[in-house]
Structure formats: C-alpha cells, structure tokens
Amino acid sequence: MTVKELIDNNIFELVNNGGNGDTVITKPFACDLLSFAMSKASADCAWFTVMGNMNTIAVSVLADCACIILCEGAELDEPGMAKATQQNVTVFKTDEPIFEAALKLYNLL
C-alpha cells in the first residue's frame, strides 16, 4: 500500500500531505519514546504515536518513515505542523488507540 492509497482509503484523517504518495508503506511501527523510535523505526514504516510535536517530525525524517499516524485523539501542534510542511512529512490522525489503528493498517497491507 502506498501513502496515496492510505490517503484515498480515508481510514485516518489527513493532517498534512507531505507529497510522498508513491512511497510504499512497509509495516506499522508503534512507539512513543522518540529515542527508541530514532533507532528502531524502519524506513518506509507508518509510525503510530501520540507525540504530536516538531521532535516527532524530526525523528520521522531521520528514520525515513513513510508517514505518521497520531492516535488517541492527539493533535499536531503548530510548530509540528510547520515542521511537517517544511520537511514534507505526511501526517494523519485518529481517535483510535494505537494498537487498533496499527492493526487496521496491518490488515490492509
């Protein structure tokens, strides 16, 4: 599944379109500890987290994640939105718990 297909699927609300629609999502990755995500997130994963700030965007870029899905109703703050726009990071959000959201994507892959 590509990022564009995930956008078109509408299972998560799009917060920022990073313009990387052709990127193939390899797997879901769930983590809220930024240092752990920096070392363990694999390239082109969909990162599920509740951390909606500019540091999350920075780690996503370093780890080369396909996209970020903010869960549990978490919002991307203003500096995070500016960073996501600047760094071309696709961000979604959902009210669902992390496990259920990641499982939903896993079942689509």
N, C-alpha and C. Protein backbone atom coordinates (compact mmCIF):
# COMPACT_ATOMS: atom_id res chain seq x y z
N MET A 1 0.84 -1.17 0.00
CA MET A 1 0.00 0.00 0.00
C MET A 1 0.90 1.24 0.00
N THR A 2 0.56 2.20 -0.83
CA THR A 2 1.31 3.45 -0.87
C THR A 2 0.68 4.48 0.06
N VAL A 3 1.41 5.53 0.33
CA VAL A 3 0.87 6.62 1.15
C VAL A 3 -0.37 7.21 0.47
N LYS A 4 -0.34 7.35 -0.84
CA LYS A 4 -1.51 7.88 -1.55
C LYS A 4 -2.72 6.96 -1.38
N GLU A 5 -2.51 5.66 -1.44
CA GLU A 5 -3.61 4.72 -1.24
C GLU A 5 -4.17 4.85 0.18
N LEU A 6 -3.29 5.08 1.15
CA LEU A 6 -3.76 5.28 2.53
C LEU A 6 -4.57 6.56 2.63
N ILE A 7 -4.12 7.61 1.97
CA ILE A 7 -4.88 8.87 1.94
C ILE A 7 -6.25 8.63 1.32
N ASP A 8 -6.28 7.97 0.17
CA ASP A 8 -7.53 7.72 -0.55
C ASP A 8 -8.47 6.80 0.21
N ASN A 9 -7.91 5.94 1.07
CA ASN A 9 -8.71 4.98 1.83
C ASN A 9 -9.56 5.66 2.90
N ASN A 10 -9.12 6.82 3.38
CA ASN A 10 -9.87 7.61 4.38
C ASN A 10 -10.10 6.90 5.70
N ILE A 11 -9.22 5.98 6.09
CA ILE A 11 -9.42 5.35 7.40
C ILE A 11 -8.86 6.24 8.51
N PHE A 12 -7.94 7.14 8.15
CA PHE A 12 -7.39 8.11 9.09
C PHE A 12 -7.57 9.50 8.48
N GLU A 13 -7.70 10.50 9.34
CA GLU A 13 -7.88 11.87 8.86
C GLU A 13 -6.52 12.46 8.48
N LEU A 14 -6.43 13.00 7.28
CA LEU A 14 -5.19 13.60 6.80
C LEU A 14 -4.99 14.96 7.46
N VAL A 15 -3.82 15.15 8.07
CA VAL A 15 -3.46 16.41 8.72
C VAL A 15 -2.53 17.21 7.82
N ASN A 16 -1.56 16.53 7.21
CA ASN A 16 -0.60 17.18 6.31
C ASN A 16 -0.20 16.20 5.22
N ASN A 17 -0.33 16.63 3.98
CA ASN A 17 0.09 15.81 2.85
C ASN A 17 1.53 16.18 2.51
N GLY A 18 2.43 15.26 2.74
CA GLY A 18 3.85 15.51 2.51
C GLY A 18 4.27 15.36 1.06
N GLY A 19 3.36 14.97 0.19
CA GLY A 19 3.68 14.84 -1.22
C GLY A 19 4.49 13.60 -1.56
N ASN A 20 4.49 12.62 -0.68
CA ASN A 20 5.24 11.38 -0.92
C ASN A 20 4.30 10.21 -1.20
N GLY A 21 3.29 10.46 -1.99
CA GLY A 21 2.25 9.47 -2.25
C GLY A 21 2.72 8.17 -2.85
N ASP A 22 3.85 8.18 -3.55
CA ASP A 22 4.36 6.95 -4.18
C ASP A 22 5.13 6.06 -3.21
N THR A 23 5.40 6.54 -2.01
CA THR A 23 6.14 5.75 -1.03
C THR A 23 5.31 4.53 -0.60
N VAL A 24 5.91 3.38 -0.67
CA VAL A 24 5.23 2.14 -0.25
C VAL A 24 5.44 1.97 1.25
N ILE A 25 4.34 1.82 1.97
CA ILE A 25 4.40 1.59 3.42
C ILE A 25 4.76 0.13 3.65
N THR A 26 5.86 -0.09 4.39
CA THR A 26 6.34 -1.45 4.60
C THR A 26 5.67 -2.16 5.76
N LYS A 27 5.39 -1.41 6.85
CA LYS A 27 4.77 -2.02 8.03
C LYS A 27 4.40 -0.92 9.02
N PRO A 28 3.52 -1.24 9.97
CA PRO A 28 3.25 -0.29 11.05
C PRO A 28 4.34 -0.37 12.12
N PHE A 29 4.59 0.75 12.77
CA PHE A 29 5.55 0.81 13.87
C PHE A 29 4.91 1.67 14.95
N ALA A 30 4.77 1.14 16.17
CA ALA A 30 4.13 1.84 17.27
C ALA A 30 5.13 2.13 18.37
N CYS A 31 5.28 3.42 18.72
CA CYS A 31 6.23 3.80 19.74
C CYS A 31 6.02 5.26 20.14
N ASP A 32 6.13 5.56 21.42
CA ASP A 32 6.01 6.94 21.90
C ASP A 32 7.31 7.48 22.47
N LEU A 33 8.35 6.69 22.50
CA LEU A 33 9.64 7.13 23.01
C LEU A 33 10.50 7.52 21.81
N LEU A 34 10.78 8.83 21.68
CA LEU A 34 11.44 9.33 20.48
C LEU A 34 12.82 8.71 20.26
N SER A 35 13.60 8.56 21.31
CA SER A 35 14.95 7.98 21.15
C SER A 35 14.87 6.53 20.67
N PHE A 36 13.88 5.79 21.14
CA PHE A 36 13.69 4.41 20.70
C PHE A 36 13.26 4.38 19.24
N ALA A 37 12.32 5.27 18.89
CA ALA A 37 11.85 5.34 17.50
C ALA A 37 13.00 5.70 16.57
N MET A 38 13.87 6.59 17.01
CA MET A 38 15.00 7.01 16.18
C MET A 38 15.89 5.83 15.82
N SER A 39 16.03 4.88 16.72
CA SER A 39 16.92 3.75 16.45
C SER A 39 16.21 2.51 15.93
N LYS A 40 14.90 2.41 16.13
CA LYS A 40 14.20 1.17 15.78
C LYS A 40 13.21 1.28 14.63
N ALA A 41 12.73 2.48 14.31
CA ALA A 41 11.77 2.60 13.21
C ALA A 41 12.47 2.28 11.90
N SER A 42 11.83 1.46 11.09
CA SER A 42 12.44 1.10 9.81
C SER A 42 11.98 2.06 8.72
N ALA A 43 12.80 2.19 7.70
CA ALA A 43 12.47 3.06 6.58
C ALA A 43 11.13 2.65 5.99
N ASP A 44 10.34 3.64 5.65
CA ASP A 44 9.04 3.48 5.00
C ASP A 44 7.98 2.84 5.88
N CYS A 45 8.18 2.83 7.19
CA CYS A 45 7.12 2.36 8.10
C CYS A 45 6.09 3.47 8.29
N ALA A 46 4.93 3.08 8.75
CA ALA A 46 3.92 4.03 9.20
C ALA A 46 4.03 4.09 10.72
N TRP A 47 4.40 5.24 11.24
CA TRP A 47 4.68 5.39 12.67
C TRP A 47 3.42 5.82 13.41
N PHE A 48 2.97 4.98 14.35
CA PHE A 48 1.81 5.26 15.18
C PHE A 48 2.28 5.77 16.53
N THR A 49 1.82 6.95 16.94
CA THR A 49 2.27 7.58 18.18
C THR A 49 1.22 8.56 18.69
N VAL A 50 1.42 9.04 19.90
CA VAL A 50 0.58 10.11 20.45
C VAL A 50 1.38 11.41 20.57
N MET A 51 2.62 11.38 20.13
CA MET A 51 3.51 12.54 20.25
C MET A 51 3.35 13.44 19.02
N GLY A 52 2.61 14.53 19.17
CA GLY A 52 2.33 15.42 18.05
C GLY A 52 3.10 16.71 18.11
N ASN A 53 4.42 16.62 17.99
CA ASN A 53 5.22 17.84 18.06
C ASN A 53 6.34 17.81 17.03
N MET A 54 7.11 18.89 16.97
CA MET A 54 8.15 19.01 15.95
C MET A 54 9.27 17.99 16.12
N ASN A 55 9.50 17.52 17.34
CA ASN A 55 10.52 16.49 17.55
C ASN A 55 10.11 15.17 16.89
N THR A 56 8.82 14.88 16.91
CA THR A 56 8.32 13.68 16.25
C THR A 56 8.56 13.78 14.74
N ILE A 57 8.31 14.95 14.20
CA ILE A 57 8.55 15.16 12.77
C ILE A 57 10.03 14.96 12.45
N ALA A 58 10.90 15.53 13.28
CA ALA A 58 12.35 15.41 13.06
C ALA A 58 12.79 13.95 13.11
N VAL A 59 12.30 13.19 14.07
CA VAL A 59 12.67 11.77 14.17
C VAL A 59 12.14 11.00 12.97
N SER A 60 10.95 11.34 12.53
CA SER A 60 10.37 10.69 11.35
C SER A 60 11.25 10.90 10.12
N VAL A 61 11.77 12.11 9.97
CA VAL A 61 12.65 12.40 8.85
C VAL A 61 13.95 11.61 8.98
N LEU A 62 14.52 11.60 10.18
CA LEU A 62 15.77 10.85 10.40
C LEU A 62 15.60 9.35 10.12
N ALA A 63 14.46 8.81 10.53
CA ALA A 63 14.20 7.38 10.35
C ALA A 63 13.64 7.05 8.97
N ASP A 64 13.32 8.08 8.20
CA ASP A 64 12.77 7.90 6.85
C ASP A 64 11.44 7.16 6.86
N CYS A 65 10.57 7.52 7.82
CA CYS A 65 9.24 6.92 7.91
C CYS A 65 8.39 7.36 6.71
N ALA A 66 7.48 6.50 6.30
CA ALA A 66 6.58 6.84 5.19
C ALA A 66 5.56 7.89 5.63
N CYS A 67 5.10 7.79 6.89
CA CYS A 67 4.10 8.72 7.40
C CYS A 67 3.99 8.54 8.92
N ILE A 68 3.28 9.47 9.52
CA ILE A 68 2.99 9.42 10.96
C ILE A 68 1.48 9.36 11.12
N ILE A 69 1.01 8.52 12.02
CA ILE A 69 -0.41 8.49 12.38
C ILE A 69 -0.51 8.81 13.86
N LEU A 70 -1.07 9.97 14.18
CA LEU A 70 -1.29 10.38 15.57
C LEU A 70 -2.55 9.70 16.07
N CYS A 71 -2.46 9.02 17.20
CA CYS A 71 -3.57 8.22 17.73
C CYS A 71 -4.13 8.82 19.02
N GLU A 72 -5.22 8.20 19.49
CA GLU A 72 -5.84 8.57 20.76
C GLU A 72 -6.32 10.03 20.78
N GLY A 73 -6.60 10.60 19.60
CA GLY A 73 -7.06 11.99 19.52
C GLY A 73 -5.95 13.01 19.65
N ALA A 74 -4.70 12.57 19.60
CA ALA A 74 -3.56 13.50 19.68
C ALA A 74 -3.57 14.44 18.48
N GLU A 75 -3.16 15.66 18.72
CA GLU A 75 -3.12 16.68 17.68
C GLU A 75 -1.68 17.07 17.39
N LEU A 76 -1.42 17.51 16.19
CA LEU A 76 -0.12 18.06 15.82
C LEU A 76 -0.11 19.53 16.19
N ASP A 77 0.83 19.94 17.06
CA ASP A 77 0.86 21.34 17.48
C ASP A 77 1.36 22.22 16.33
N GLU A 78 1.26 23.56 16.51
CA GLU A 78 1.62 24.49 15.44
C GLU A 78 3.07 24.36 14.98
N PRO A 79 4.05 24.32 15.91
CA PRO A 79 5.42 24.13 15.43
C PRO A 79 5.61 22.79 14.70
N GLY A 80 4.90 21.77 15.15
CA GLY A 80 4.96 20.47 14.48
C GLY A 80 4.38 20.53 13.08
N MET A 81 3.28 21.25 12.93
CA MET A 81 2.66 21.40 11.60
C MET A 81 3.60 22.16 10.67
N ALA A 82 4.22 23.20 11.18
CA ALA A 82 5.17 23.97 10.36
C ALA A 82 6.34 23.08 9.92
N LYS A 83 6.84 22.26 10.84
CA LYS A 83 7.96 21.36 10.54
C LYS A 83 7.53 20.28 9.54
N ALA A 84 6.32 19.74 9.71
CA ALA A 84 5.82 18.71 8.79
C ALA A 84 5.68 19.28 7.38
N THR A 85 5.19 20.51 7.29
CA THR A 85 5.06 21.16 5.98
C THR A 85 6.43 21.41 5.37
N GLN A 86 7.35 21.92 6.17
CA GLN A 86 8.70 22.23 5.70
C GLN A 86 9.45 20.97 5.27
N GLN A 87 9.28 19.89 6.01
CA GLN A 87 10.02 18.65 5.76
C GLN A 87 9.27 17.65 4.87
N ASN A 88 8.07 18.03 4.40
CA ASN A 88 7.27 17.17 3.52
C ASN A 88 6.95 15.82 4.16
N VAL A 89 6.43 15.89 5.39
CA VAL A 89 6.06 14.68 6.13
C VAL A 89 4.54 14.54 6.11
N THR A 90 4.06 13.39 5.68
CA THR A 90 2.62 13.12 5.69
C THR A 90 2.22 12.69 7.09
N VAL A 91 1.18 13.36 7.61
CA VAL A 91 0.70 13.11 8.97
C VAL A 91 -0.81 12.88 8.91
N PHE A 92 -1.25 11.84 9.61
CA PHE A 92 -2.66 11.54 9.78
C PHE A 92 -2.99 11.61 11.26
N LYS A 93 -4.29 11.58 11.58
CA LYS A 93 -4.71 11.46 12.97
C LYS A 93 -5.95 10.59 13.05
N THR A 94 -6.15 10.04 14.25
CA THR A 94 -7.31 9.20 14.53
C THR A 94 -7.60 9.26 16.03
N ASP A 95 -8.84 8.99 16.39
CA ASP A 95 -9.21 8.89 17.80
C ASP A 95 -8.97 7.48 18.34
N GLU A 96 -8.65 6.56 17.46
CA GLU A 96 -8.46 5.17 17.86
C GLU A 96 -7.20 4.98 18.70
N PRO A 97 -7.20 3.99 19.59
CA PRO A 97 -5.98 3.63 20.32
C PRO A 97 -4.90 3.16 19.34
N ILE A 98 -3.67 3.25 19.76
CA ILE A 98 -2.55 2.92 18.88
C ILE A 98 -2.65 1.49 18.35
N PHE A 99 -2.91 0.53 19.21
CA PHE A 99 -2.95 -0.86 18.76
C PHE A 99 -4.01 -1.08 17.69
N GLU A 100 -5.22 -0.59 17.93
CA GLU A 100 -6.30 -0.79 16.97
C GLU A 100 -6.01 -0.10 15.64
N ALA A 101 -5.44 1.10 15.70
CA ALA A 101 -5.11 1.83 14.47
C ALA A 101 -4.03 1.10 13.69
N ALA A 102 -2.99 0.64 14.37
CA ALA A 102 -1.91 -0.08 13.70
C ALA A 102 -2.41 -1.39 13.12
N LEU A 103 -3.28 -2.08 13.85
CA LEU A 103 -3.86 -3.33 13.35
C LEU A 103 -4.70 -3.09 12.10
N LYS A 104 -5.42 -1.99 12.08
CA LYS A 104 -6.24 -1.65 10.92
C LYS A 104 -5.35 -1.49 9.67
N LEU A 105 -4.23 -0.78 9.82
CA LEU A 105 -3.32 -0.64 8.69
C LEU A 105 -2.68 -1.98 8.34
N TYR A 106 -2.25 -2.72 9.36
CA TYR A 106 -1.61 -4.03 9.12
C TYR A 106 -2.52 -4.92 8.27
N ASN A 107 -3.81 -4.92 8.57
CA ASN A 107 -4.76 -5.75 7.82
C ASN A 107 -4.91 -5.29 6.38
N LEU A 108 -4.64 -4.02 6.11
CA LEU A 108 -4.71 -3.52 4.73
C LEU A 108 -3.45 -3.84 3.94
N LEU A 109 -2.35 -4.02 4.66
CA LEU A 109 -1.09 -4.32 3.96
C LEU A 109 -1.08 -5.76 3.49
